[in-house]
C-alpha atoms as a PDB file:
ATOM      1  CA  MET A   1     125.006 100.853 121.914  1.00  0.00           C
ATOM      2  CA  MET A   2     127.375 102.844 119.738  1.00  0.00           C
ATOM      3  CA  LEU A   3     125.937 104.173 116.474  1.00  0.00           C
ATOM      4  CA  PHE A   4     127.806 105.381 113.409  1.00  0.00           C
ATOM      5  CA  PHE A   5     128.130 109.153 113.727  1.00  0.00           C
ATOM      6  CA  ALA A   6     130.430 112.060 112.961  1.00  0.00           C
ATOM      7  CA  ALA A   7     131.354 114.731 115.476  1.00  0.00           C
ATOM      8  CA  VAL A   8     129.006 117.677 114.985  1.00  0.00           C
ATOM      9  CA  SER A   9     129.093 120.965 116.850  1.00  0.00           C
ATOM     10  CA  PHE A  10     125.769 121.792 118.492  1.00  0.00           C
ATOM     11  CA  ALA A  11     126.555 125.465 117.934  1.00  0.00           C
ATOM     12  CA  ALA A  12     127.014 124.837 114.234  1.00  0.00           C
ATOM     13  CA  LEU A  13     123.679 123.043 114.106  1.00  0.00           C
ATOM     14  CA  ALA A  14     121.952 125.917 115.832  1.00  0.00           C
ATOM     15  CA  THR A  15     123.269 128.518 113.400  1.00  0.00           C
ATOM     16  CA  ALA A  16     122.294 126.320 110.448  1.00  0.00           C
ATOM     17  CA  LEU A  17     118.609 126.250 111.394  1.00  0.00           C
ATOM     18  CA  PRO A  18     116.219 128.289 109.244  1.00  0.00           C
ATOM     19  CA  ALA A  19     114.775 131.342 110.973  1.00  0.00           C
ATOM     20  CA  GLY A  20     111.875 130.514 113.269  1.00  0.00           C
ATOM     21  CA  VAL A  21     112.489 126.762 113.277  1.00  0.00           C
ATOM     22  CA  GLN A  22     113.683 125.111 116.477  1.00  0.00           C
ATOM     23  CA  VAL A  23     114.978 121.538 116.431  1.00  0.00           C
ATOM     24  CA  GLN A  24     116.248 120.144 119.702  1.00  0.00           C
ATOM     25  CA  PRO A  25     119.991 119.367 119.845  1.00  0.00           C
ATOM     26  CA  TRP A  26     121.229 115.974 118.691  1.00  0.00           C
ATOM     27  CA  THR A  27     123.088 113.696 121.079  1.00  0.00           C
ATOM     28  CA  PRO A  28     124.192 110.282 119.761  1.00  0.00           C
ATOM     29  CA  ALA A  29     123.162 107.145 121.583  1.00  0.00           C
ATOM     30  CA  GLU A  30     125.455 106.013 124.364  1.00  0.00           C
ATOM     31  CA  GLU A  31     126.392 102.457 125.274  1.00  0.00           C
ATOM     32  CA  HIS A  32     123.401 101.693 127.471  1.00  0.00           C
ATOM     33  CA  ASP A  33     120.770 103.585 125.471  1.00  0.00           C
ATOM     34  CA  SER A  34     118.150 101.439 123.763  1.00  0.00           C
ATOM     35  CA  ARG A  35     117.787 101.721 119.994  1.00  0.00           C
ATOM     36  CA  GLY A  36     115.756  99.730 117.493  1.00  0.00           C
ATOM     37  CA  PRO A  37     115.434  98.924 113.794  1.00  0.00           C
ATOM     38  CA  CYS A  38     113.591 102.139 112.818  1.00  0.00           C
ATOM     39  CA  PRO A  39     115.860 105.075 111.843  1.00  0.00           C
ATOM     40  CA  MET A  40     113.094 107.615 112.506  1.00  0.00           C
ATOM     41  CA  LEU A  41     112.360 106.438 116.055  1.00  0.00           C
ATOM     42  CA  ASN A  42     116.081 106.317 116.829  1.00  0.00           C
ATOM     43  CA  THR A  43     116.501 109.830 115.454  1.00  0.00           C
ATOM     44  CA  LEU A  44     113.601 111.160 117.509  1.00  0.00           C
ATOM     45  CA  ALA A  45     115.293 109.698 120.610  1.00  0.00           C
ATOM     46  CA  ASN A  46     118.672 111.164 119.665  1.00  0.00           C
ATOM     47  CA  HIS A  47     117.039 114.612 119.478  1.00  0.00           C
ATOM     48  CA  GLY A  48     115.064 114.168 122.693  1.00  0.00           C
ATOM     49  CA  TYR A  49     111.571 114.010 121.183  1.00  0.00           C
ATOM     50  CA  LEU A  50     111.453 110.555 122.739  1.00  0.00           C
ATOM     51  CA  PRO A  51     113.362 109.736 125.946  1.00  0.00           C
ATOM     52  CA  HIS A  52     117.026 109.719 124.952  1.00  0.00           C
ATOM     53  CA  ASN A  53     117.638 106.397 126.642  1.00  0.00           C
ATOM     54  CA  GLY A  54     114.955 104.847 124.415  1.00  0.00           C
ATOM     55  CA  ARG A  55     113.280 103.172 127.371  1.00  0.00           C
ATOM     56  CA  ASN A  56     109.837 103.043 128.962  1.00  0.00           C
ATOM     57  CA  LEU A  57     108.060 104.118 125.789  1.00  0.00           C
ATOM     58  CA  THR A  58     104.383 103.884 124.915  1.00  0.00           C
ATOM     59  CA  ALA A  59     102.596 104.024 121.583  1.00  0.00           C
ATOM     60  CA  THR A  60     100.986 107.295 122.667  1.00  0.00           C
ATOM     61  CA  LEU A  61     104.385 108.842 123.412  1.00  0.00           C
ATOM     62  CA  ILE A  62     105.574 107.932 119.911  1.00  0.00           C
ATOM     63  CA  GLU A  63     102.351 109.146 118.329  1.00  0.00           C
ATOM     64  CA  ASN A  64     102.759 112.507 120.058  1.00  0.00           C
ATOM     65  CA  ALA A  65     106.323 112.863 118.757  1.00  0.00           C
ATOM     66  CA  PHE A  66     105.114 112.134 115.231  1.00  0.00           C
ATOM     67  CA  THR A  67     102.177 114.538 115.314  1.00  0.00           C
ATOM     68  CA  ASN A  68     103.649 117.371 117.389  1.00  0.00           C
ATOM     69  CA  PHE A  69     107.157 117.492 115.903  1.00  0.00           C
ATOM     70  CA  LEU A  70     107.128 115.776 112.503  1.00  0.00           C
ATOM     71  CA  ASN A  71     103.665 117.177 111.738  1.00  0.00           C
ATOM     72  CA  VAL A  72     102.328 113.902 110.410  1.00  0.00           C
ATOM     73  CA  GLU A  73      98.980 112.210 110.833  1.00  0.00           C
ATOM     74  CA  ALA A  74      98.536 110.072 113.949  1.00  0.00           C
ATOM     75  CA  GLY A  75      98.150 106.989 111.771  1.00  0.00           C
ATOM     76  CA  PHE A  76     101.890 106.982 111.067  1.00  0.00           C
ATOM     77  CA  ALA A  77     102.388 105.447 114.519  1.00  0.00           C
ATOM     78  CA  ALA A  78      99.921 102.639 113.840  1.00  0.00           C
ATOM     79  CA  ALA A  79     102.696 100.064 113.427  1.00  0.00           C
ATOM     80  CA  VAL A  80     103.878 100.743 116.977  1.00  0.00           C
ATOM     81  CA  LYS A  81     100.345 100.255 118.286  1.00  0.00           C
ATOM     82  CA  ASP A  82     100.199  96.959 116.404  1.00  0.00           C
ATOM     83  CA  PHE A  83     103.466  96.004 118.064  1.00  0.00           C
ATOM     84  CA  THR A  84     102.186  96.661 121.576  1.00  0.00           C
ATOM     85  CA  GLN A  85      99.123  94.524 120.883  1.00  0.00           C
ATOM     86  CA  ALA A  86     101.188  91.665 119.449  1.00  0.00           C
ATOM     87  CA  TRP A  87     103.838  91.922 122.166  1.00  0.00           C
ATOM     88  CA  GLY A  88     101.283  92.123 124.953  1.00  0.00           C
ATOM     89  CA  HIS A  89     102.854  95.054 126.831  1.00  0.00           C
ATOM     90  CA  ASP A  90     101.986  98.752 126.807  1.00  0.00           C
ATOM     91  CA  VAL A  91     105.486  99.878 127.853  1.00  0.00           C
ATOM     92  CA  PHE A  92     108.563  98.895 125.864  1.00  0.00           C
ATOM     93  CA  ASN A  93     112.113  99.860 124.928  1.00  0.00           C
ATOM     94  CA  LEU A  94     113.255 100.688 121.400  1.00  0.00           C
ATOM     95  CA  HIS A  95     115.273  97.477 121.105  1.00  0.00           C
ATOM     96  CA  ASP A  96     112.085  95.504 121.818  1.00  0.00           C
ATOM     97  CA  LEU A  97     110.824  96.629 118.403  1.00  0.00           C
ATOM     98  CA  ASN A  98     113.472  94.440 116.786  1.00  0.00           C
ATOM     99  CA  ALA A  99     111.025  91.550 116.812  1.00  0.00           C
ATOM    100  CA  PRO A 100     110.767  89.651 113.496  1.00  0.00           C
ATOM    101  CA  ASP A 101     107.550  90.149 111.522  1.00  0.00           C
ATOM    102  CA  ILE A 102     106.208  92.918 113.741  1.00  0.00           C
ATOM    103  CA  LEU A 103     108.203  96.065 112.917  1.00  0.00           C
ATOM    104  CA  GLN A 104     111.490  94.443 111.946  1.00  0.00           C
ATOM    105  CA  HIS A 105     111.645  92.571 108.638  1.00  0.00           C
ATOM    106  CA  ILE A 106     114.118  91.066 106.192  1.00  0.00           C
ATOM    107  CA  ALA A 107     115.179  92.919 103.034  1.00  0.00           C
ATOM    108  CA  SER A 108     115.720  96.214 104.834  1.00  0.00           C
ATOM    109  CA  LEU A 109     117.196  99.173 102.973  1.00  0.00           C
ATOM    110  CA  THR A 110     119.489 100.036 105.896  1.00  0.00           C
ATOM    111  CA  ARG A 111     120.026  96.901 107.994  1.00  0.00           C
ATOM    112  CA  ASP A 112     121.131  93.315 107.459  1.00  0.00           C
ATOM    113  CA  ASP A 113     118.572  90.568 107.907  1.00  0.00           C
ATOM    114  CA  TYR A 114     117.772  89.674 111.492  1.00  0.00           C
ATOM    115  CA  THR A 115     119.001  86.426 112.990  1.00  0.00           C
ATOM    116  CA  SER A 116     118.753  85.326 116.608  1.00  0.00           C
ATOM    117  CA  GLN A 117     122.561  85.441 116.815  1.00  0.00           C
ATOM    118  CA  ASN A 118     122.847  88.828 115.062  1.00  0.00           C
ATOM    119  CA  PRO A 119     119.868  91.148 115.616  1.00  0.00           C
ATOM    120  CA  HIS A 120     121.413  93.776 113.278  1.00  0.00           C
ATOM    121  CA  ILE A 121     119.903  96.820 114.954  1.00  0.00           C
ATOM    122  CA  ARG A 122     122.747  99.060 113.793  1.00  0.00           C
ATOM    123  CA  PRO A 123     122.637 100.602 110.315  1.00  0.00           C
ATOM    124  CA  ASN A 124     124.796  98.846 107.716  1.00  0.00           C
ATOM    125  CA  LEU A 125     126.867 101.432 105.859  1.00  0.00           C
ATOM    126  CA  HIS A 126     127.314  99.153 102.848  1.00  0.00           C
ATOM    127  CA  ARG A 127     123.540  98.775 102.436  1.00  0.00           C
ATOM    128  CA  ILE A 128     123.077 102.522 102.711  1.00  0.00           C
ATOM    129  CA  GLU A 129     125.787 103.159 100.112  1.00  0.00           C
ATOM    130  CA  SER A 130     124.173 100.607  97.792  1.00  0.00           C
ATOM    131  CA  LEU A 131     120.895 102.496  98.138  1.00  0.00           C
ATOM    132  CA  PHE A 132     122.655 105.628  96.915  1.00  0.00           C
ATOM    133  CA  ASP A 133     124.437 103.752  94.130  1.00  0.00           C
ATOM    134  CA  ASP A 134     121.082 102.660  92.720  1.00  0.00           C
ATOM    135  CA  SER A 135     120.411 106.276  91.735  1.00  0.00           C
ATOM    136  CA  PRO A 136     122.675 108.093  89.225  1.00  0.00           C
ATOM    137  CA  SER A 137     121.506 111.522  90.448  1.00  0.00           C
ATOM    138  CA  LEU A 138     121.878 113.472  93.684  1.00  0.00           C
ATOM    139  CA  HIS A 139     118.459 112.225  94.782  1.00  0.00           C
ATOM    140  CA  ILE A 140     116.727 108.953  95.562  1.00  0.00           C
ATOM    141  CA  ASP A 141     113.598 108.722  93.407  1.00  0.00           C
ATOM    142  CA  ILE A 142     110.757 106.345  92.542  1.00  0.00           C
ATOM    143  CA  ASP A 143     112.705 104.197  90.086  1.00  0.00           C
ATOM    144  CA  SER A 144     115.912 104.039  92.124  1.00  0.00           C
ATOM    145  CA  ILE A 145     114.196 102.993  95.338  1.00  0.00           C
ATOM    146  CA  ALA A 146     112.158 100.423  93.387  1.00  0.00           C
ATOM    147  CA  LYS A 147     115.471  99.071  92.109  1.00  0.00           C
ATOM    148  CA  SER A 148     116.780  99.021  95.684  1.00  0.00           C
ATOM    149  CA  ARG A 149     113.731  97.128  96.926  1.00  0.00           C
ATOM    150  CA  LEU A 150     114.189  94.467  94.239  1.00  0.00           C
ATOM    151  CA  ARG A 151     117.893  94.192  95.061  1.00  0.00           C
ATOM    152  CA  VAL A 152     117.525  93.728  98.817  1.00  0.00           C
ATOM    153  CA  GLN A 153     114.709  91.226  98.308  1.00  0.00           C
ATOM    154  CA  ALA A 154     116.956  89.225  95.981  1.00  0.00           C
ATOM    155  CA  GLU A 155     119.747  89.377  98.571  1.00  0.00           C
ATOM    156  CA  SER A 156     117.371  87.886 101.168  1.00  0.00           C
ATOM    157  CA  HIS A 157     116.340  84.983  98.912  1.00  0.00           C
ATOM    158  CA  PRO A 158     115.255  82.258  99.595  1.00  0.00           C
ATOM    159  CA  ASN A 159     113.660  84.002 102.567  1.00  0.00           C
ATOM    160  CA  MET A 160     110.616  85.930 101.404  1.00  0.00           C
ATOM    161  CA  LEU A 161     108.734  88.905 102.784  1.00  0.00           C
ATOM    162  CA  SER A 162     105.218  88.143 103.929  1.00  0.00           C
ATOM    163  CA  LYS A 163     102.443  90.172 102.297  1.00  0.00           C
ATOM    164  CA  ALA A 164     102.103  92.330 105.404  1.00  0.00           C
ATOM    165  CA  ARG A 165     105.872  92.946 105.626  1.00  0.00           C
ATOM    166  CA  PHE A 166     106.084  93.633 101.879  1.00  0.00           C
ATOM    167  CA  ASP A 167     103.386  96.297 102.237  1.00  0.00           C
ATOM    168  CA  ALA A 168     105.249  97.729 105.235  1.00  0.00           C
ATOM    169  CA  ALA A 169     108.474  97.854 103.202  1.00  0.00           C
ATOM    170  CA  LEU A 170     106.698  99.778 100.437  1.00  0.00           C
ATOM    171  CA  PHE A 171     105.338 102.211 103.035  1.00  0.00           C
ATOM    172  CA  GLU A 172     108.844 102.700 104.431  1.00  0.00           C
ATOM    173  CA  ALA A 173     110.246 103.299 100.932  1.00  0.00           C
ATOM    174  CA  ALA A 174     107.615 105.973 100.318  1.00  0.00           C
ATOM    175  CA  MET A 175     108.484 107.532 103.679  1.00  0.00           C
ATOM    176  CA  VAL A 176     112.116 107.801 102.571  1.00  0.00           C
ATOM    177  CA  LEU A 177     111.002 109.840  99.567  1.00  0.00           C
ATOM    178  CA  VAL A 178     108.876 112.319 101.517  1.00  0.00           C
ATOM    179  CA  MET A 179     110.460 112.832 104.941  1.00  0.00           C
ATOM    180  CA  MET A 180     113.594 114.611 103.728  1.00  0.00           C
ATOM    181  CA  THR A 181     111.967 116.809 101.062  1.00  0.00           C
ATOM    182  CA  ASP A 182     111.279 120.526 101.394  1.00  0.00           C
ATOM    183  CA  ASN A 183     107.698 120.330 100.127  1.00  0.00           C
ATOM    184  CA  VAL A 184     105.877 117.069 100.740  1.00  0.00           C
ATOM    185  CA  PRO A 185     103.522 116.472  97.787  1.00  0.00           C
ATOM    186  CA  ASP A 186      99.808 116.708  98.533  1.00  0.00           C
ATOM    187  CA  ALA A 187      98.178 113.609  97.059  1.00  0.00           C
ATOM    188  CA  THR A 188      94.959 115.531  96.347  1.00  0.00           C
ATOM    189  CA  SER A 189      96.813 117.825  93.920  1.00  0.00           C
ATOM    190  CA  ASN A 190      97.803 114.928  91.630  1.00  0.00           C
ATOM    191  CA  PRO A 191     101.564 115.607  91.987  1.00  0.00           C
ATOM    192  CA  PRO A 192     104.015 114.433  89.323  1.00  0.00           C
ATOM    193  CA  LEU A 193     106.168 111.457  90.233  1.00  0.00           C
ATOM    194  CA  SER A 194     109.213 113.727  90.034  1.00  0.00           C
ATOM    195  CA  ALA A 195     107.941 115.366  93.236  1.00  0.00           C
ATOM    196  CA  TYR A 196     108.771 112.199  95.158  1.00  0.00           C
ATOM    197  CA  GLU A 197     112.515 112.354  95.663  1.00  0.00           C
ATOM    198  CA  ALA A 198     114.906 112.791  98.574  1.00  0.00           C
ATOM    199  CA  PRO A 199     118.396 114.366  98.542  1.00  0.00           C
ATOM    200  CA  LYS A 200     121.153 111.840  99.172  1.00  0.00           C
ATOM    201  CA  ASP A 201     123.090 114.137 101.489  1.00  0.00           C
ATOM    202  CA  ARG A 202     120.129 114.495 103.836  1.00  0.00           C
ATOM    203  CA  LEU A 203     119.432 110.768 103.737  1.00  0.00           C
ATOM    204  CA  ARG A 204     123.083 109.984 104.498  1.00  0.00           C
ATOM    205  CA  THR A 205     122.912 112.103 107.651  1.00  0.00           C
ATOM    206  CA  TRP A 206     119.600 110.577 108.696  1.00  0.00           C
ATOM    207  CA  PHE A 207     120.494 106.944 108.031  1.00  0.00           C
ATOM    208  CA  GLU A 208     124.151 106.899 109.103  1.00  0.00           C
ATOM    209  CA  GLN A 209     124.037 109.258 112.078  1.00  0.00           C
ATOM    210  CA  GLU A 210     120.334 109.030 112.936  1.00  0.00           C
ATOM    211  CA  ARG A 211     120.217 112.805 113.065  1.00  0.00           C
ATOM    212  CA  PHE A 212     117.942 115.387 111.428  1.00  0.00           C
ATOM    213  CA  PRO A 213     120.072 117.203 108.775  1.00  0.00           C
ATOM    214  CA  VAL A 214     119.133 120.739 109.772  1.00  0.00           C
ATOM    215  CA  GLU A 215     122.446 122.130 108.487  1.00  0.00           C
ATOM    216  CA  LEU A 216     121.375 120.933 105.024  1.00  0.00           C
ATOM    217  CA  GLY A 217     118.111 122.854 105.199  1.00  0.00           C
ATOM    218  CA  TRP A 218     115.835 120.121 106.544  1.00  0.00           C
ATOM    219  CA  GLN A 219     112.936 121.069 108.778  1.00  0.00           C
ATOM    220  CA  PRO A 220     109.642 119.425 109.738  1.00  0.00           C
ATOM    221  CA  SER A 221     106.936 119.757 107.131  1.00  0.00           C
ATOM    222  CA  LYS A 222     104.985 123.001 107.368  1.00  0.00           C
ATOM    223  CA  ARG A 223     101.947 121.193 105.990  1.00  0.00           C
ATOM    224  CA  ALA A 224     100.444 118.327 107.976  1.00  0.00           C
ATOM    225  CA  ILE A 225     101.370 115.079 106.180  1.00  0.00           C
ATOM    226  CA  LYS A 226      98.556 112.577 105.758  1.00  0.00           C
ATOM    227  CA  LEU A 227      98.869 108.847 105.212  1.00  0.00           C
ATOM    228  CA  ALA A 228      97.139 109.337 101.857  1.00  0.00           C
ATOM    229  CA  ASP A 229     100.031 111.551 100.707  1.00  0.00           C
ATOM    230  CA  LEU A 230     102.179 108.423 100.485  1.00  0.00           C
ATOM    231  CA  ASN A 231      99.739 106.502  98.282  1.00  0.00           C
ATOM    232  CA  PRO A 232     100.929 107.894  94.927  1.00  0.00           C
ATOM    233  CA  ALA A 233     104.533 107.044  95.831  1.00  0.00           C
ATOM    234  CA  ILE A 234     103.609 103.529  97.015  1.00  0.00           C
ATOM    235  CA  GLN A 235     101.687 102.858  93.812  1.00  0.00           C
ATOM    236  CA  ALA A 236     104.479 104.269  91.649  1.00  0.00           C
ATOM    237  CA  ILE A 237     107.150 102.207  93.435  1.00  0.00           C
ATOM    238  CA  THR A 238     105.047  99.071  93.005  1.00  0.00           C
ATOM    239  CA  GLU A 239     104.567  99.736  89.290  1.00  0.00           C
ATOM    240  CA  SER A 240     108.255 100.521  88.813  1.00  0.00           C
ATOM    241  CA  MET A 241     109.239  97.263  90.539  1.00  0.00           C
ATOM    242  CA  GLN A 242     106.893  95.316  88.276  1.00  0.00           C
ATOM    243  CA  ARG A 243     108.229  97.076  85.188  1.00  0.00           C
ATOM    244  CA  GLN A 244     111.852  96.498  86.159  1.00  0.00           C
ATOM    245  CA  GLU A 245     111.163  92.822  86.909  1.00  0.00           C
ATOM    246  CA  LYS A 246     109.618  92.377  83.452  1.00  0.00           C
ATOM    247  CA  GLU A 247     112.591  94.080  81.808  1.00  0.00           C
ATOM    248  CA  ARG A 248     115.010  91.846  83.690  1.00  0.00           C
ATOM    249  CA  SER A 249     113.006  88.771  82.720  1.00  0.00           C
ATOM    250  CA  LYS A 250     113.125  89.765  79.055  1.00  0.00           C
ATOM    251  CA  SER A 251     116.872  90.346  79.308  1.00  0.00           C
ATOM    252  CA  ARG A 252     117.416  86.920  80.887  1.00  0.00           C
ATOM    253  CA  ILE A 253     115.366  85.235  78.165  1.00  0.00           C
ATOM    254  CA  ALA A 254     117.246  87.102  75.441  1.00  0.00           C
ATOM    255  CA  ALA A 255     120.586  86.163  76.981  1.00  0.00           C
ATOM    256  CA  LYS A 256     119.544  82.506  77.181  1.00  0.00           C
ATOM    257  CA  VAL A 257     118.473  82.522  73.511  1.00  0.00           C
ATOM    258  CA  ASP A 258     121.777  84.098  72.476  1.00  0.00           C
ATOM    259  CA  ALA A 259     123.704  81.494  74.454  1.00  0.00           C
ATOM    260  CA  GLU A 260     121.869  78.678  72.692  1.00  0.00           C
END
C-alpha cells in the first residue's frame, strides 16, 4: 500500500536528531506492507518499532512499542487489547484494525468514513488540511480541535458516533495535542489549557507521511506519559465543543429571527 510521503534523506534525519536521542530510520510502507487506520501504529511500523510489514502483531508487541519507545503508560494500548478480544484472534495485521466500531470509526480527523467498498485506510490530505485551517495559529489547540471534531461529525451526518466511539475520538484528539509537544503537561500540576497544543508542521509530517518529525525537534517524551495526563485536555475539548455548539445555535436562531 502506497502512503503519501516526501523523499527524505536518512542522513539528514540522523543529523537533525537532538544529542543523545536515537530514533530508528524511517522507511515508508511498500505495496504489500499492511497498514491500518491509526497514524501512530503506522508510524511505529514505518520506523521499525513494530514489524515494518505490519503483520503478525500482538497486543503485547504494540504495548511494548508504546512503553519502551514512546514512554507512555501501558494503558495507551488498551484499545488494541479490546480489538483482539472482539476479533477473537491474538495475532493480527495492521489492516485488520480497520474494523468498524472497534478501532476504526466515522468522523475521523485524518480519514474518510469507512464503507465496505472504500475502507479509507490511507490519510486524506484534504481532511488534514481542514484540521489545520480550523486553527488561525501555527498550532492546533483545544478550541481548534474542538471545532474540527464538530465539523467532521457534521460531515458524517446522519451517521452518528456511538458513545464509546465518541469517547475514543475525544481521546484521540487529546493525543494529537500531547504527542508532538516538547513538554507533555503533567495533569497533577494543574497545567493551563494553553499547554495543550501541537505544532502544525510536526503534525503535517506525522499525519501525511506517518513519520516522526525528528528534523523539527520532536523526540519521545522524557517524562513517562500517563493516561491521566490526557484528562484535562479531554475535558477542555468537550467543554469547548459544547460552548461552540451553543454559540452556533444562538447564531442560527438570530439569523432566523432576522430573516422573519
